[in-house]
Amino acid sequence: MELLRFYVQQNRRHAGTPVYQWLLARAHELGASGGTAFHALAGFGRHGWHSQGFFELAGDVPVAVEIIAPAELLDRLLATISTEQLALPWLRVPVAYGYTGAQASD
């Protein structure tokens, strides 16, 4: 399994949908094990420093989208994104996961 993380802006849209929601929907359709979008409180990157203050809460704040899936599925997701001509920064790393203590039943 691997983790694929994208960095997007909250108000960026693709096909009429926020990009973070579009990414999660595509990953779900492909059969990913899980995916989550997180608001970034602060950070820096090639466009400088970002921080979330009161006035940015409803605006253009950074969002990290994480998807955990087998490498082949992530390859298909990246191919889908390329076909859609979306330019998104991403990070991909192997992961190990499990549960601590007694596993909760679903």
C-alpha atoms as a PDB file:
ATOM      1  CA  MET A   1       0.000   0.000   0.000  1.00  0.00           C
ATOM      2  CA  GLU A   2       1.034   3.562  -0.609  1.00  0.00           C
ATOM      3  CA  LEU A   3      -0.110   7.009   0.419  1.00  0.00           C
ATOM      4  CA  LEU A   4      -0.610   9.638  -2.272  1.00  0.00           C
ATOM      5  CA  ARG A   5      -0.998  13.226  -1.038  1.00  0.00           C
ATOM      6  CA  PHE A   6      -2.070  16.180  -3.138  1.00  0.00           C
ATOM      7  CA  TYR A   7      -1.893  19.857  -2.235  1.00  0.00           C
ATOM      8  CA  VAL A   8      -4.727  22.029  -3.583  1.00  0.00           C
ATOM      9  CA  GLN A   9      -6.501  25.273  -2.776  1.00  0.00           C
ATOM     10  CA  GLN A  10      -9.920  24.974  -1.153  1.00  0.00           C
ATOM     11  CA  ASN A  11     -11.689  27.108  -3.738  1.00  0.00           C
ATOM     12  CA  ARG A  12     -10.057  25.540  -6.841  1.00  0.00           C
ATOM     13  CA  ARG A  13     -12.594  23.705  -8.980  1.00  0.00           C
ATOM     14  CA  HIS A  14     -12.544  21.089 -11.739  1.00  0.00           C
ATOM     15  CA  ALA A  15     -15.641  20.117 -13.745  1.00  0.00           C
ATOM     16  CA  GLY A  16     -17.747  22.290 -11.426  1.00  0.00           C
ATOM     17  CA  THR A  17     -16.579  20.499  -8.247  1.00  0.00           C
ATOM     18  CA  PRO A  18     -13.939  21.458  -5.685  1.00  0.00           C
ATOM     19  CA  VAL A  19     -10.724  19.680  -6.707  1.00  0.00           C
ATOM     20  CA  TYR A  20     -10.363  18.002  -3.293  1.00  0.00           C
ATOM     21  CA  GLN A  21     -13.847  16.460  -3.663  1.00  0.00           C
ATOM     22  CA  TRP A  22     -13.158  15.496  -7.279  1.00  0.00           C
ATOM     23  CA  LEU A  23      -9.945  13.698  -6.233  1.00  0.00           C
ATOM     24  CA  LEU A  24     -11.687  11.799  -3.428  1.00  0.00           C
ATOM     25  CA  ALA A  25     -14.537  10.781  -5.735  1.00  0.00           C
ATOM     26  CA  ARG A  26     -12.150   9.467  -8.430  1.00  0.00           C
ATOM     27  CA  ALA A  27     -10.136   7.524  -5.833  1.00  0.00           C
ATOM     28  CA  HIS A  28     -13.319   6.027  -4.374  1.00  0.00           C
ATOM     29  CA  GLU A  29     -14.558   5.015  -7.844  1.00  0.00           C
ATOM     30  CA  LEU A  30     -11.235   3.272  -8.498  1.00  0.00           C
ATOM     31  CA  GLY A  31     -11.531   1.319  -5.218  1.00  0.00           C
ATOM     32  CA  ALA A  32      -9.075   3.089  -2.894  1.00  0.00           C
ATOM     33  CA  SER A  33      -8.998   1.886   0.719  1.00  0.00           C
ATOM     34  CA  GLY A  34      -9.509   5.374   2.079  1.00  0.00           C
ATOM     35  CA  GLY A  35      -9.115   9.059   1.441  1.00  0.00           C
ATOM     36  CA  THR A  36      -9.315  12.269   3.461  1.00  0.00           C
ATOM     37  CA  ALA A  37      -9.058  16.009   2.835  1.00  0.00           C
ATOM     38  CA  PHE A  38      -7.489  18.215   5.531  1.00  0.00           C
ATOM     39  CA  HIS A  39      -7.342  21.991   5.900  1.00  0.00           C
ATOM     40  CA  ALA A  40      -3.762  23.127   6.300  1.00  0.00           C
ATOM     41  CA  LEU A  41      -3.254  25.517   9.211  1.00  0.00           C
ATOM     42  CA  ALA A  42       0.128  26.777   8.049  1.00  0.00           C
ATOM     43  CA  GLY A  43       3.024  25.828   5.818  1.00  0.00           C
ATOM     44  CA  PHE A  44       5.290  26.930   3.011  1.00  0.00           C
ATOM     45  CA  GLY A  45       5.972  25.831  -0.526  1.00  0.00           C
ATOM     46  CA  ARG A  46       7.057  27.153  -3.879  1.00  0.00           C
ATOM     47  CA  HIS A  47       4.478  29.981  -3.624  1.00  0.00           C
ATOM     48  CA  GLY A  48       5.694  31.134  -0.195  1.00  0.00           C
ATOM     49  CA  TRP A  49       4.134  30.937   3.250  1.00  0.00           C
ATOM     50  CA  HIS A  50       0.510  30.009   3.854  1.00  0.00           C
ATOM     51  CA  SER A  51      -1.435  30.400   7.054  1.00  0.00           C
ATOM     52  CA  GLN A  52      -5.094  30.183   7.891  1.00  0.00           C
ATOM     53  CA  GLY A  53      -6.539  33.137   9.734  1.00  0.00           C
ATOM     54  CA  PHE A  54     -10.058  34.318  10.445  1.00  0.00           C
ATOM     55  CA  PHE A  55     -10.541  35.924   7.032  1.00  0.00           C
ATOM     56  CA  GLU A  56      -9.234  32.888   5.137  1.00  0.00           C
ATOM     57  CA  LEU A  57     -11.633  30.387   6.740  1.00  0.00           C
ATOM     58  CA  ALA A  58     -14.085  30.659   3.843  1.00  0.00           C
ATOM     59  CA  GLY A  59     -11.547  31.417   1.161  1.00  0.00           C
ATOM     60  CA  ASP A  60      -8.510  30.132  -0.608  1.00  0.00           C
ATOM     61  CA  VAL A  61      -6.828  28.025   2.083  1.00  0.00           C
ATOM     62  CA  PRO A  62      -4.553  25.058   1.364  1.00  0.00           C
ATOM     63  CA  VAL A  63      -6.057  21.567   1.508  1.00  0.00           C
ATOM     64  CA  ALA A  64      -4.100  18.316   1.666  1.00  0.00           C
ATOM     65  CA  VAL A  65      -5.828  15.289   0.124  1.00  0.00           C
ATOM     66  CA  GLU A  66      -4.528  11.874   1.195  1.00  0.00           C
ATOM     67  CA  ILE A  67      -5.415   8.585  -0.471  1.00  0.00           C
ATOM     68  CA  ILE A  68      -4.223   5.138   0.631  1.00  0.00           C
ATOM     69  CA  ALA A  69      -4.326   2.396  -1.997  1.00  0.00           C
ATOM     70  CA  PRO A  70      -2.233  -0.177  -3.847  1.00  0.00           C
ATOM     71  CA  ALA A  71       0.416   1.262  -6.178  1.00  0.00           C
ATOM     72  CA  GLU A  72      -1.439   0.118  -9.316  1.00  0.00           C
ATOM     73  CA  LEU A  73      -4.580   1.999  -8.287  1.00  0.00           C
ATOM     74  CA  LEU A  74      -2.588   5.150  -7.569  1.00  0.00           C
ATOM     75  CA  ASP A  75      -0.960   4.837 -10.992  1.00  0.00           C
ATOM     76  CA  ARG A  76      -4.455   4.755 -12.555  1.00  0.00           C
ATOM     77  CA  LEU A  77      -5.518   7.771 -10.491  1.00  0.00           C
ATOM     78  CA  LEU A  78      -2.474   9.774 -11.609  1.00  0.00           C
ATOM     79  CA  ALA A  79      -3.198   8.787 -15.220  1.00  0.00           C
ATOM     80  CA  THR A  80      -6.807   9.986 -14.821  1.00  0.00           C
ATOM     81  CA  ILE A  81      -5.588  13.310 -13.434  1.00  0.00           C
ATOM     82  CA  SER A  82      -3.177  13.711 -16.361  1.00  0.00           C
ATOM     83  CA  THR A  83      -5.957  12.924 -18.849  1.00  0.00           C
ATOM     84  CA  GLU A  84      -8.061  15.646 -17.206  1.00  0.00           C
ATOM     85  CA  GLN A  85      -5.077  18.017 -17.639  1.00  0.00           C
ATOM     86  CA  LEU A  86      -4.970  18.929 -13.951  1.00  0.00           C
ATOM     87  CA  ALA A  87      -1.603  20.196 -12.720  1.00  0.00           C
ATOM     88  CA  LEU A  88      -1.336  19.220  -9.045  1.00  0.00           C
ATOM     89  CA  PRO A  89       1.662  18.838  -6.738  1.00  0.00           C
ATOM     90  CA  TRP A  90       1.781  15.418  -5.076  1.00  0.00           C
ATOM     91  CA  LEU A  91       3.796  13.252  -2.696  1.00  0.00           C
ATOM     92  CA  ARG A  92       3.805   9.436  -2.743  1.00  0.00           C
ATOM     93  CA  VAL A  93       5.229   7.161  -0.037  1.00  0.00           C
ATOM     94  CA  PRO A  94       4.864   3.528   1.074  1.00  0.00           C
ATOM     95  CA  VAL A  95       2.769   3.027   4.200  1.00  0.00           C
ATOM     96  CA  ALA A  96       2.179   0.418   6.859  1.00  0.00           C
ATOM     97  CA  TYR A  97      -1.025   0.552   8.840  1.00  0.00           C
ATOM     98  CA  GLY A  98      -2.901  -1.356  11.492  1.00  0.00           C
ATOM     99  CA  TYR A  99      -4.840  -0.911  14.717  1.00  0.00           C
ATOM    100  CA  THR A 100      -3.752  -0.503  18.312  1.00  0.00           C
ATOM    101  CA  GLY A 101      -5.559  -2.375  21.029  1.00  0.00           C
ATOM    102  CA  ALA A 102      -8.781  -4.185  20.244  1.00  0.00           C
ATOM    103  CA  GLN A 103     -10.032  -3.553  16.716  1.00  0.00           C
ATOM    104  CA  ALA A 104     -13.439  -1.893  16.695  1.00  0.00           C
ATOM    105  CA  SER A 105     -16.133  -3.797  14.838  1.00  0.00           C
ATOM    106  CA  ASP A 106     -17.895  -2.040  11.956  1.00  0.00           C
END
